[in-house]
Amino acid sequence: MTYVITEPCLDVKDKACVPECPVDCIYEGERMLYIHPDECTDCGACVEACPAEAIFYELQVPKKWRDFKAANVEFFAELGSPGGASDLGKTAADPDFVKNLPRHSE
């Protein structure tokens, strides 16, 4: 199990969760952030740090945002397991589901 970042992060990417992650498993796509399911240790530090309240434990993602679970899997299916987000930096690997969502006003 892992944590999943959902719709409130879309086009916001506050990144307050990133420095709280002790294993550097929060990756940046073009439009939002993603938590690597194999690298995450399920500590929950990111949940408390997220001002947008966008992060949920995988089994507790609200029904209206469950498509973000599949988007998270798809993001890492292509990216693999780089072993740390800070070394990789921002990628343009957002899944089509995320790319095709309406833009949030900034």
PDB file of N, CA and C in Angstrom:
ATOM      1  N   MET A   1       0.842  -1.189   0.000  1.00  0.00           N
ATOM      2  CA  MET A   1       0.000   0.000   0.000  1.00  0.00           C
ATOM      3  C   MET A   1       0.880   1.243   0.000  1.00  0.00           C
ATOM      4  N   THR A   2       0.275   2.336  -0.399  1.00  0.00           N
ATOM      5  CA  THR A   2       1.018   3.585  -0.472  1.00  0.00           C
ATOM      6  C   THR A   2       0.047   4.756  -0.347  1.00  0.00           C
ATOM      7  N   TYR A   3       0.583   5.934  -0.403  1.00  0.00           N
ATOM      8  CA  TYR A   3      -0.226   7.146  -0.425  1.00  0.00           C
ATOM      9  C   TYR A   3      -0.363   7.610  -1.869  1.00  0.00           C
ATOM     10  N   VAL A   4      -1.460   8.315  -2.140  1.00  0.00           N
ATOM     11  CA  VAL A   4      -1.760   8.792  -3.487  1.00  0.00           C
ATOM     12  C   VAL A   4      -2.074  10.279  -3.408  1.00  0.00           C
ATOM     13  N   ILE A   5      -1.509  11.044  -4.320  1.00  0.00           N
ATOM     14  CA  ILE A   5      -1.806  12.471  -4.421  1.00  0.00           C
ATOM     15  C   ILE A   5      -2.943  12.625  -5.425  1.00  0.00           C
ATOM     16  N   THR A   6      -3.920  13.446  -5.076  1.00  0.00           N
ATOM     17  CA  THR A   6      -5.149  13.544  -5.867  1.00  0.00           C
ATOM     18  C   THR A   6      -5.392  14.950  -6.420  1.00  0.00           C
ATOM     19  N   GLU A   7      -6.569  15.152  -6.944  1.00  0.00           N
ATOM     20  CA  GLU A   7      -6.967  16.353  -7.689  1.00  0.00           C
ATOM     21  C   GLU A   7      -6.611  17.698  -7.053  1.00  0.00           C
ATOM     22  N   PRO A   8      -6.718  17.884  -5.737  1.00  0.00           N
ATOM     23  CA  PRO A   8      -6.377  19.206  -5.199  1.00  0.00           C
ATOM     24  C   PRO A   8      -4.937  19.665  -5.483  1.00  0.00           C
ATOM     25  N   CYS A   9      -4.054  18.740  -5.836  1.00  0.00           N
ATOM     26  CA  CYS A   9      -2.667  19.087  -6.168  1.00  0.00           C
ATOM     27  C   CYS A   9      -2.524  19.518  -7.632  1.00  0.00           C
ATOM     28  N   LEU A  10      -3.478  19.159  -8.448  1.00  0.00           N
ATOM     29  CA  LEU A  10      -3.404  19.433  -9.883  1.00  0.00           C
ATOM     30  C   LEU A  10      -3.176  20.923 -10.152  1.00  0.00           C
ATOM     31  N   ASP A  11      -2.123  21.237 -10.852  1.00  0.00           N
ATOM     32  CA  ASP A  11      -1.740  22.606 -11.227  1.00  0.00           C
ATOM     33  C   ASP A  11      -1.390  23.493 -10.036  1.00  0.00           C
ATOM     34  N   VAL A  12      -1.275  22.909  -8.844  1.00  0.00           N
ATOM     35  CA  VAL A  12      -0.930  23.678  -7.648  1.00  0.00           C
ATOM     36  C   VAL A  12       0.506  23.358  -7.230  1.00  0.00           C
ATOM     37  N   LYS A  13       0.792  22.094  -6.993  1.00  0.00           N
ATOM     38  CA  LYS A  13       2.110  21.612  -6.607  1.00  0.00           C
ATOM     39  C   LYS A  13       2.784  22.491  -5.551  1.00  0.00           C
ATOM     40  N   ASP A  14       2.142  22.633  -4.423  1.00  0.00           N
ATOM     41  CA  ASP A  14       2.684  23.423  -3.315  1.00  0.00           C
ATOM     42  C   ASP A  14       4.058  22.916  -2.879  1.00  0.00           C
ATOM     43  N   LYS A  15       4.255  21.621  -2.896  1.00  0.00           N
ATOM     44  CA  LYS A  15       5.511  20.936  -2.564  1.00  0.00           C
ATOM     45  C   LYS A  15       5.894  20.977  -1.089  1.00  0.00           C
ATOM     46  N   ALA A  16       4.978  21.366  -0.207  1.00  0.00           N
ATOM     47  CA  ALA A  16       5.289  21.332   1.218  1.00  0.00           C
ATOM     48  C   ALA A  16       5.540  19.905   1.689  1.00  0.00           C
ATOM     49  N   CYS A  17       4.987  18.940   0.976  1.00  0.00           N
ATOM     50  CA  CYS A  17       5.157  17.530   1.340  1.00  0.00           C
ATOM     51  C   CYS A  17       6.555  17.006   1.002  1.00  0.00           C
ATOM     52  N   VAL A  18       7.184  17.567  -0.004  1.00  0.00           N
ATOM     53  CA  VAL A  18       8.453  17.038  -0.514  1.00  0.00           C
ATOM     54  C   VAL A  18       9.554  17.007   0.546  1.00  0.00           C
ATOM     55  N   PRO A  19       9.837  18.094   1.247  1.00  0.00           N
ATOM     56  CA  PRO A  19      10.923  18.026   2.239  1.00  0.00           C
ATOM     57  C   PRO A  19      10.582  17.158   3.452  1.00  0.00           C
ATOM     58  N   GLU A  20       9.299  16.861   3.651  1.00  0.00           N
ATOM     59  CA  GLU A  20       8.896  16.023   4.786  1.00  0.00           C
ATOM     60  C   GLU A  20       9.100  14.538   4.523  1.00  0.00           C
ATOM     61  N   CYS A  21       9.235  14.167   3.256  1.00  0.00           N
ATOM     62  CA  CYS A  21       9.384  12.753   2.896  1.00  0.00           C
ATOM     63  C   CYS A  21      10.797  12.277   3.231  1.00  0.00           C
ATOM     64  N   PRO A  22      10.934  11.320   4.161  1.00  0.00           N
ATOM     65  CA  PRO A  22      12.269  10.878   4.560  1.00  0.00           C
ATOM     66  C   PRO A  22      12.974   9.998   3.534  1.00  0.00           C
ATOM     67  N   VAL A  23      12.236   9.516   2.517  1.00  0.00           N
ATOM     68  CA  VAL A  23      12.852   8.626   1.530  1.00  0.00           C
ATOM     69  C   VAL A  23      12.847   9.207   0.119  1.00  0.00           C
ATOM     70  N   ASP A  24      12.508  10.484  -0.031  1.00  0.00           N
ATOM     71  CA  ASP A  24      12.593  11.178  -1.322  1.00  0.00           C
ATOM     72  C   ASP A  24      11.800  10.466  -2.422  1.00  0.00           C
ATOM     73  N   CYS A  25      10.530  10.107  -2.109  1.00  0.00           N
ATOM     74  CA  CYS A  25       9.735   9.340  -3.077  1.00  0.00           C
ATOM     75  C   CYS A  25       8.593  10.132  -3.700  1.00  0.00           C
ATOM     76  N   ILE A  26       8.598  11.464  -3.567  1.00  0.00           N
ATOM     77  CA  ILE A  26       7.552  12.285  -4.162  1.00  0.00           C
ATOM     78  C   ILE A  26       8.128  12.943  -5.413  1.00  0.00           C
ATOM     79  N   TYR A  27       7.629  12.481  -6.551  1.00  0.00           N
ATOM     80  CA  TYR A  27       8.144  12.886  -7.859  1.00  0.00           C
ATOM     81  C   TYR A  27       7.263  13.962  -8.475  1.00  0.00           C
ATOM     82  N   GLU A  28       7.878  14.821  -9.287  1.00  0.00           N
ATOM     83  CA  GLU A  28       7.156  15.929  -9.909  1.00  0.00           C
ATOM     84  C   GLU A  28       6.926  15.683 -11.391  1.00  0.00           C
ATOM     85  N   GLY A  29       5.649  15.698 -11.759  1.00  0.00           N
ATOM     86  CA  GLY A  29       5.270  15.676 -13.159  1.00  0.00           C
ATOM     87  C   GLY A  29       5.047  17.099 -13.630  1.00  0.00           C
ATOM     88  N   GLU A  30       4.563  17.245 -14.824  1.00  0.00           N
ATOM     89  CA  GLU A  30       4.305  18.575 -15.383  1.00  0.00           C
ATOM     90  C   GLU A  30       3.190  19.303 -14.629  1.00  0.00           C
ATOM     91  N   ARG A  31       2.129  18.552 -14.243  1.00  0.00           N
ATOM     92  CA  ARG A  31       0.951  19.195 -13.648  1.00  0.00           C
ATOM     93  C   ARG A  31       0.709  18.850 -12.187  1.00  0.00           C
ATOM     94  N   MET A  32       1.353  17.804 -11.674  1.00  0.00           N
ATOM     95  CA  MET A  32       1.131  17.444 -10.275  1.00  0.00           C
ATOM     96  C   MET A  32       2.271  16.573  -9.754  1.00  0.00           C
ATOM     97  N   LEU A  33       2.170  16.202  -8.497  1.00  0.00           N
ATOM     98  CA  LEU A  33       3.165  15.365  -7.838  1.00  0.00           C
ATOM     99  C   LEU A  33       2.639  13.937  -7.716  1.00  0.00           C
ATOM    100  N   TYR A  34       3.565  12.980  -7.585  1.00  0.00           N
ATOM    101  CA  TYR A  34       3.221  11.563  -7.497  1.00  0.00           C
ATOM    102  C   TYR A  34       4.094  10.896  -6.446  1.00  0.00           C
ATOM    103  N   ILE A  35       3.528   9.927  -5.716  1.00  0.00           N
ATOM    104  CA  ILE A  35       4.270   9.195  -4.702  1.00  0.00           C
ATOM    105  C   ILE A  35       4.602   7.806  -5.239  1.00  0.00           C
ATOM    106  N   HIS A  36       5.885   7.471  -5.227  1.00  0.00           N
ATOM    107  CA  HIS A  36       6.305   6.174  -5.757  1.00  0.00           C
ATOM    108  C   HIS A  36       5.867   5.065  -4.802  1.00  0.00           C
ATOM    109  N   PRO A  37       5.047   4.116  -5.278  1.00  0.00           N
ATOM    110  CA  PRO A  37       4.509   3.085  -4.385  1.00  0.00           C
ATOM    111  C   PRO A  37       5.552   2.115  -3.831  1.00  0.00           C
ATOM    112  N   ASP A  38       6.622   1.875  -4.562  1.00  0.00           N
ATOM    113  CA  ASP A  38       7.651   0.952  -4.086  1.00  0.00           C
ATOM    114  C   ASP A  38       8.677   1.623  -3.183  1.00  0.00           C
ATOM    115  N   GLU A  39       8.828   2.914  -3.312  1.00  0.00           N
ATOM    116  CA  GLU A  39       9.809   3.647  -2.512  1.00  0.00           C
ATOM    117  C   GLU A  39       9.212   4.213  -1.223  1.00  0.00           C
ATOM    118  N   CYS A  40       7.899   4.410  -1.201  1.00  0.00           N
ATOM    119  CA  CYS A  40       7.205   4.972  -0.033  1.00  0.00           C
ATOM    120  C   CYS A  40       7.258   3.990   1.132  1.00  0.00           C
ATOM    121  N   THR A  41       7.540   4.495   2.327  1.00  0.00           N
ATOM    122  CA  THR A  41       7.585   3.660   3.528  1.00  0.00           C
ATOM    123  C   THR A  41       6.307   3.790   4.361  1.00  0.00           C
ATOM    124  N   ASP A  42       5.307   4.450   3.823  1.00  0.00           N
ATOM    125  CA  ASP A  42       4.005   4.616   4.489  1.00  0.00           C
ATOM    126  C   ASP A  42       4.095   5.335   5.832  1.00  0.00           C
ATOM    127  N   CYS A  43       4.994   6.285   5.940  1.00  0.00           N
ATOM    128  CA  CYS A  43       5.157   6.991   7.213  1.00  0.00           C
ATOM    129  C   CYS A  43       4.064   8.036   7.443  1.00  0.00           C
ATOM    130  N   GLY A  44       3.473   8.561   6.363  1.00  0.00           N
ATOM    131  CA  GLY A  44       2.396   9.536   6.483  1.00  0.00           C
ATOM    132  C   GLY A  44       2.840  10.967   6.705  1.00  0.00           C
ATOM    133  N   ALA A  45       4.120  11.241   6.710  1.00  0.00           N
ATOM    134  CA  ALA A  45       4.606  12.606   6.941  1.00  0.00           C
ATOM    135  C   ALA A  45       4.081  13.565   5.880  1.00  0.00           C
ATOM    136  N   CYS A  46       3.927  13.101   4.671  1.00  0.00           N
ATOM    137  CA  CYS A  46       3.450  13.945   3.576  1.00  0.00           C
ATOM    138  C   CYS A  46       2.006  14.398   3.783  1.00  0.00           C
ATOM    139  N   VAL A  47       1.198  13.532   4.377  1.00  0.00           N
ATOM    140  CA  VAL A  47      -0.218  13.838   4.592  1.00  0.00           C
ATOM    141  C   VAL A  47      -0.365  15.065   5.478  1.00  0.00           C
ATOM    142  N   GLU A  48       0.349  15.073   6.575  1.00  0.00           N
ATOM    143  CA  GLU A  48       0.280  16.188   7.519  1.00  0.00           C
ATOM    144  C   GLU A  48       0.813  17.487   6.924  1.00  0.00           C
ATOM    145  N   ALA A  49       1.767  17.389   6.013  1.00  0.00           N
ATOM    146  CA  ALA A  49       2.408  18.579   5.439  1.00  0.00           C
ATOM    147  C   ALA A  49       1.608  19.197   4.296  1.00  0.00           C
ATOM    148  N   CYS A  50       0.674  18.470   3.719  1.00  0.00           N
ATOM    149  CA  CYS A  50      -0.027  18.937   2.518  1.00  0.00           C
ATOM    150  C   CYS A  50      -1.115  19.957   2.845  1.00  0.00           C
ATOM    151  N   PRO A  51      -0.919  21.229   2.475  1.00  0.00           N
ATOM    152  CA  PRO A  51      -1.928  22.247   2.774  1.00  0.00           C
ATOM    153  C   PRO A  51      -3.191  22.105   1.911  1.00  0.00           C
ATOM    154  N   ALA A  52      -3.086  21.413   0.789  1.00  0.00           N
ATOM    155  CA  ALA A  52      -4.235  21.235  -0.098  1.00  0.00           C
ATOM    156  C   ALA A  52      -5.078  20.018   0.290  1.00  0.00           C
ATOM    157  N   GLU A  53      -4.619  19.243   1.270  1.00  0.00           N
ATOM    158  CA  GLU A  53      -5.302  18.021   1.692  1.00  0.00           C
ATOM    159  C   GLU A  53      -5.560  17.112   0.496  1.00  0.00           C
ATOM    160  N   ALA A  54      -4.519  16.912  -0.305  1.00  0.00           N
ATOM    161  CA  ALA A  54      -4.608  16.145  -1.544  1.00  0.00           C
ATOM    162  C   ALA A  54      -4.079  14.728  -1.412  1.00  0.00           C
ATOM    163  N   ILE A  55      -3.480  14.373  -0.274  1.00  0.00           N
ATOM    164  CA  ILE A  55      -2.824  13.076  -0.129  1.00  0.00           C
ATOM    165  C   ILE A  55      -3.655  12.154   0.760  1.00  0.00           C
ATOM    166  N   PHE A  56      -3.895  10.953   0.239  1.00  0.00           N
ATOM    167  CA  PHE A  56      -4.698   9.971   0.953  1.00  0.00           C
ATOM    168  C   PHE A  56      -4.010   8.614   0.917  1.00  0.00           C
ATOM    169  N   TYR A  57      -4.242   7.835   1.979  1.00  0.00           N
ATOM    170  CA  TYR A  57      -3.797   6.448   1.949  1.00  0.00           C
ATOM    171  C   TYR A  57      -4.570   5.762   0.835  1.00  0.00           C
ATOM    172  N   GLU A  58      -3.921   4.890   0.110  1.00  0.00           N
ATOM    173  CA  GLU A  58      -4.483   4.282  -1.093  1.00  0.00           C
ATOM    174  C   GLU A  58      -5.913   3.754  -0.905  1.00  0.00           C
ATOM    175  N   LEU A  59      -6.187   3.129   0.198  1.00  0.00           N
ATOM    176  CA  LEU A  59      -7.516   2.559   0.441  1.00  0.00           C
ATOM    177  C   LEU A  59      -8.529   3.595   0.904  1.00  0.00           C
ATOM    178  N   GLN A  60      -8.086   4.824   1.139  1.00  0.00           N
ATOM    179  CA  GLN A  60      -8.980   5.867   1.631  1.00  0.00           C
ATOM    180  C   GLN A  60      -9.168   7.017   0.643  1.00  0.00           C
ATOM    181  N   VAL A  61      -8.734   6.844  -0.592  1.00  0.00           N
ATOM    182  CA  VAL A  61      -8.927   7.886  -1.602  1.00  0.00           C
ATOM    183  C   VAL A  61     -10.428   8.054  -1.832  1.00  0.00           C
ATOM    184  N   PRO A  62     -10.936   9.284  -1.723  1.00  0.00           N
ATOM    185  CA  PRO A  62     -12.369   9.494  -1.966  1.00  0.00           C
ATOM    186  C   PRO A  62     -12.785   9.000  -3.359  1.00  0.00           C
ATOM    187  N   LYS A  63     -13.982   8.489  -3.442  1.00  0.00           N
ATOM    188  CA  LYS A  63     -14.484   7.896  -4.680  1.00  0.00           C
ATOM    189  C   LYS A  63     -14.317   8.830  -5.881  1.00  0.00           C
ATOM    190  N   LYS A  64     -14.568  10.118  -5.699  1.00  0.00           N
ATOM    191  CA  LYS A  64     -14.492  11.069  -6.814  1.00  0.00           C
ATOM    192  C   LYS A  64     -13.075  11.234  -7.363  1.00  0.00           C
ATOM    193  N   TRP A  65     -12.065  10.778  -6.605  1.00  0.00           N
ATOM    194  CA  TRP A  65     -10.670  10.929  -7.034  1.00  0.00           C
ATOM    195  C   TRP A  65      -9.963   9.594  -7.245  1.00  0.00           C
ATOM    196  N   ARG A  66     -10.685   8.508  -7.323  1.00  0.00           N
ATOM    197  CA  ARG A  66     -10.056   7.186  -7.445  1.00  0.00           C
ATOM    198  C   ARG A  66      -9.280   7.010  -8.750  1.00  0.00           C
ATOM    199  N   ASP A  67      -9.611   7.767  -9.784  1.00  0.00           N
ATOM    200  CA  ASP A  67      -8.846   7.675 -11.033  1.00  0.00           C
ATOM    201  C   ASP A  67      -7.393   8.113 -10.838  1.00  0.00           C
ATOM    202  N   PHE A  68      -7.124   8.863  -9.789  1.00  0.00           N
ATOM    203  CA  PHE A  68      -5.754   9.298  -9.515  1.00  0.00           C
ATOM    204  C   PHE A  68      -4.882   8.133  -9.036  1.00  0.00           C
ATOM    205  N   LYS A  69      -5.493   7.093  -8.486  1.00  0.00           N
ATOM    206  CA  LYS A  69      -4.728   5.896  -8.123  1.00  0.00           C
ATOM    207  C   LYS A  69      -4.149   5.252  -9.380  1.00  0.00           C
ATOM    208  N   ALA A  70      -4.983   5.098 -10.401  1.00  0.00           N
ATOM    209  CA  ALA A  70      -4.522   4.518 -11.666  1.00  0.00           C
ATOM    210  C   ALA A  70      -3.497   5.428 -12.337  1.00  0.00           C
ATOM    211  N   ALA A  71      -3.696   6.739 -12.246  1.00  0.00           N
ATOM    212  CA  ALA A  71      -2.743   7.688 -12.833  1.00  0.00           C
ATOM    213  C   ALA A  71      -1.385   7.563 -12.151  1.00  0.00           C
ATOM    214  N   ASN A  72      -1.378   7.357 -10.843  1.00  0.00           N
ATOM    215  CA  ASN A  72      -0.128   7.186 -10.103  1.00  0.00           C
ATOM    216  C   ASN A  72       0.608   5.933 -10.590  1.00  0.00           C
ATOM    217  N   VAL A  73      -0.130   4.847 -10.763  1.00  0.00           N
ATOM    218  CA  VAL A  73       0.466   3.596 -11.260  1.00  0.00           C
ATOM    219  C   VAL A  73       1.034   3.817 -12.652  1.00  0.00           C
ATOM    220  N   GLU A  74       0.276   4.481 -13.507  1.00  0.00           N
ATOM    221  CA  GLU A  74       0.714   4.727 -14.888  1.00  0.00           C
ATOM    222  C   GLU A  74       1.960   5.609 -14.933  1.00  0.00           C
ATOM    223  N   PHE A  75       2.017   6.628 -14.087  1.00  0.00           N
ATOM    224  CA  PHE A  75       3.175   7.518 -14.045  1.00  0.00           C
ATOM    225  C   PHE A  75       4.449   6.714 -13.804  1.00  0.00           C
ATOM    226  N   PHE A  76       4.414   5.791 -12.847  1.00  0.00           N
ATOM    227  CA  PHE A  76       5.610   5.032 -12.507  1.00  0.00           C
ATOM    228  C   PHE A  76       5.825   3.814 -13.399  1.00  0.00           C
ATOM    229  N   ALA A  77       4.799   3.364 -14.095  1.00  0.00           N
ATOM    230  CA  ALA A  77       4.979   2.254 -15.036  1.00  0.00           C
ATOM    231  C   ALA A  77       5.960   2.651 -16.129  1.00  0.00           C
ATOM    232  N   GLU A  78       5.870   3.878 -16.562  1.00  0.00           N
ATOM    233  CA  GLU A  78       6.772   4.375 -17.599  1.00  0.00           C
ATOM    234  C   GLU A  78       8.105   4.841 -17.008  1.00  0.00           C
ATOM    235  N   LEU A  79       8.047   5.469 -15.843  1.00  0.00           N
ATOM    236  CA  LEU A  79       9.233   6.055 -15.227  1.00  0.00           C
ATOM    237  C   LEU A  79      10.125   5.001 -14.555  1.00  0.00           C
ATOM    238  N   GLY A  80       9.511   3.963 -14.034  1.00  0.00           N
ATOM    239  CA  GLY A  80      10.274   2.954 -13.309  1.00  0.00           C
ATOM    240  C   GLY A  80      10.542   3.382 -11.883  1.00  0.00           C
ATOM    241  N   SER A  81      11.651   2.940 -11.329  1.00  0.00           N
ATOM    242  CA  SER A  81      12.025   3.265  -9.963  1.00  0.00           C
ATOM    243  C   SER A  81      13.402   3.920  -9.955  1.00  0.00           C
ATOM    244  N   PRO A  82      13.425   5.252 -10.145  1.00  0.00           N
ATOM    245  CA  PRO A  82      14.709   5.958 -10.207  1.00  0.00           C
ATOM    246  C   PRO A  82      15.498   5.966  -8.903  1.00  0.00           C
ATOM    247  N   GLY A  83      14.837   5.686  -7.782  1.00  0.00           N
ATOM    248  CA  GLY A  83      15.554   5.634  -6.515  1.00  0.00           C
ATOM    249  C   GLY A  83      15.744   6.974  -5.842  1.00  0.00           C
ATOM    250  N   GLY A  84      14.923   7.932  -6.161  1.00  0.00           N
ATOM    251  CA  GLY A  84      14.990   9.239  -5.515  1.00  0.00           C
ATOM    252  C   GLY A  84      14.537  10.348  -6.434  1.00  0.00           C
ATOM    253  N   ALA A  85      13.581  11.106  -5.965  1.00  0.00           N
ATOM    254  CA  ALA A  85      12.992  12.165  -6.782  1.00  0.00           C
ATOM    255  C   ALA A  85      13.918  13.354  -6.983  1.00  0.00           C
ATOM    256  N   SER A  86      14.702  13.703  -5.979  1.00  0.00           N
ATOM    257  CA  SER A  86      15.523  14.914  -6.086  1.00  0.00           C
ATOM    258  C   SER A  86      16.584  14.804  -7.177  1.00  0.00           C
ATOM    259  N   ASP A  87      17.106  13.612  -7.394  1.00  0.00           N
ATOM    260  CA  ASP A  87      18.103  13.443  -8.454  1.00  0.00           C
ATOM    261  C   ASP A  87      17.479  13.510  -9.840  1.00  0.00           C
ATOM    262  N   LEU A  88      16.232  13.077  -9.953  1.00  0.00           N
ATOM    263  CA  LEU A  88      15.548  13.051 -11.240  1.00  0.00           C
ATOM    264  C   LEU A  88      15.041  14.428 -11.660  1.00  0.00           C
ATOM    265  N   GLY A  89      14.456  15.161 -10.727  1.00  0.00           N
ATOM    266  CA  GLY A  89      13.875  16.461 -11.041  1.00  0.00           C
ATOM    267  C   GLY A  89      12.515  16.321 -11.713  1.00  0.00           C
ATOM    268  N   LYS A  90      12.024  17.417 -12.234  1.00  0.00           N
ATOM    269  CA  LYS A  90      10.705  17.460 -12.870  1.00  0.00           C
ATOM    270  C   LYS A  90      10.712  16.675 -14.174  1.00  0.00           C
ATOM    271  N   THR A  91       9.615  15.938 -14.416  1.00  0.00           N
ATOM    272  CA  THR A  91       9.472  15.200 -15.666  1.00  0.00           C
ATOM    273  C   THR A  91       8.191  15.635 -16.369  1.00  0.00           C
ATOM    274  N   ALA A  92       8.090  15.333 -17.637  1.00  0.00           N
ATOM    275  CA  ALA A  92       6.867  15.627 -18.396  1.00  0.00           C
ATOM    276  C   ALA A  92       6.069  14.347 -18.592  1.00  0.00           C
ATOM    277  N   ALA A  93       6.169  13.427 -17.644  1.00  0.00           N
ATOM    278  CA  ALA A  93       5.590  12.093 -17.791  1.00  0.00           C
ATOM    279  C   ALA A  93       4.181  11.951 -17.226  1.00  0.00           C
ATOM    280  N   ASP A  94       3.441  13.047 -17.077  1.00  0.00           N
ATOM    281  CA  ASP A  94       2.077  12.918 -16.578  1.00  0.00           C
ATOM    282  C   ASP A  94       1.291  11.944 -17.458  1.00  0.00           C
ATOM    283  N   PRO A  95       0.487  11.069 -16.850  1.00  0.00           N
ATOM    284  CA  PRO A  95      -0.355  10.176 -17.642  1.00  0.00           C
ATOM    285  C   PRO A  95      -1.393  10.971 -18.426  1.00  0.00           C
ATOM    286  N   ASP A  96      -1.923  10.376 -19.481  1.00  0.00           N
ATOM    287  CA  ASP A  96      -2.926  11.062 -20.307  1.00  0.00           C
ATOM    288  C   ASP A  96      -4.111  11.533 -19.486  1.00  0.00           C
ATOM    289  N   PHE A  97      -4.539  10.741 -18.499  1.00  0.00           N
ATOM    290  CA  PHE A  97      -5.655  11.151 -17.648  1.00  0.00           C
ATOM    291  C   PHE A  97      -5.392  12.527 -17.050  1.00  0.00           C
ATOM    292  N   VAL A  98      -4.202  12.741 -16.522  1.00  0.00           N
ATOM    293  CA  VAL A  98      -3.849  14.013 -15.895  1.00  0.00           C
ATOM    294  C   VAL A  98      -3.663  15.101 -16.956  1.00  0.00           C
ATOM    295  N   LYS A  99      -2.994  14.782 -18.038  1.00  0.00           N
ATOM    296  CA  LYS A  99      -2.767  15.759 -19.105  1.00  0.00           C
ATOM    297  C   LYS A  99      -4.079  16.307 -19.659  1.00  0.00           C
ATOM    298  N   ASN A 100      -5.110  15.465 -19.701  1.00  0.00           N
ATOM    299  CA  ASN A 100      -6.369  15.855 -20.319  1.00  0.00           C
ATOM    300  C   ASN A 100      -7.373  16.504 -19.372  1.00  0.00           C
ATOM    301  N   LEU A 101      -7.043  16.615 -18.108  1.00  0.00           N
ATOM    302  CA  LEU A 101      -7.949  17.282 -17.166  1.00  0.00           C
ATOM    303  C   LEU A 101      -7.954  18.786 -17.413  1.00  0.00           C
ATOM    304  N   PRO A 102      -9.091  19.439 -17.180  1.00  0.00           N
ATOM    305  CA  PRO A 102      -9.128  20.902 -17.339  1.00  0.00           C
ATOM    306  C   PRO A 102      -8.124  21.568 -16.412  1.00  0.00           C
ATOM    307  N   ARG A 103      -7.525  22.633 -16.871  1.00  0.00           N
ATOM    308  CA  ARG A 103      -6.545  23.377 -16.068  1.00  0.00           C
ATOM    309  C   ARG A 103      -7.248  24.090 -14.921  1.00  0.00           C
ATOM    310  N   HIS A 104      -6.607  24.064 -13.758  1.00  0.00           N
ATOM    311  CA  HIS A 104      -7.095  24.847 -12.621  1.00  0.00           C
ATOM    312  C   HIS A 104      -6.518  26.248 -12.765  1.00  0.00           C
ATOM    313  N   SER A 105      -7.275  27.227 -12.355  1.00  0.00           N
ATOM    314  CA  SER A 105      -6.731  28.593 -12.425  1.00  0.00           C
ATOM    315  C   SER A 105      -5.592  28.714 -11.430  1.00  0.00           C
ATOM    316  N   GLU A 106      -4.578  29.447 -11.823  1.00  0.00           N
ATOM    317  CA  GLU A 106      -3.366  29.557 -10.997  1.00  0.00           C
ATOM    318  C   GLU A 106      -3.350  30.839 -10.220  1.00  0.00           C
TER     319      GLU A 106
END
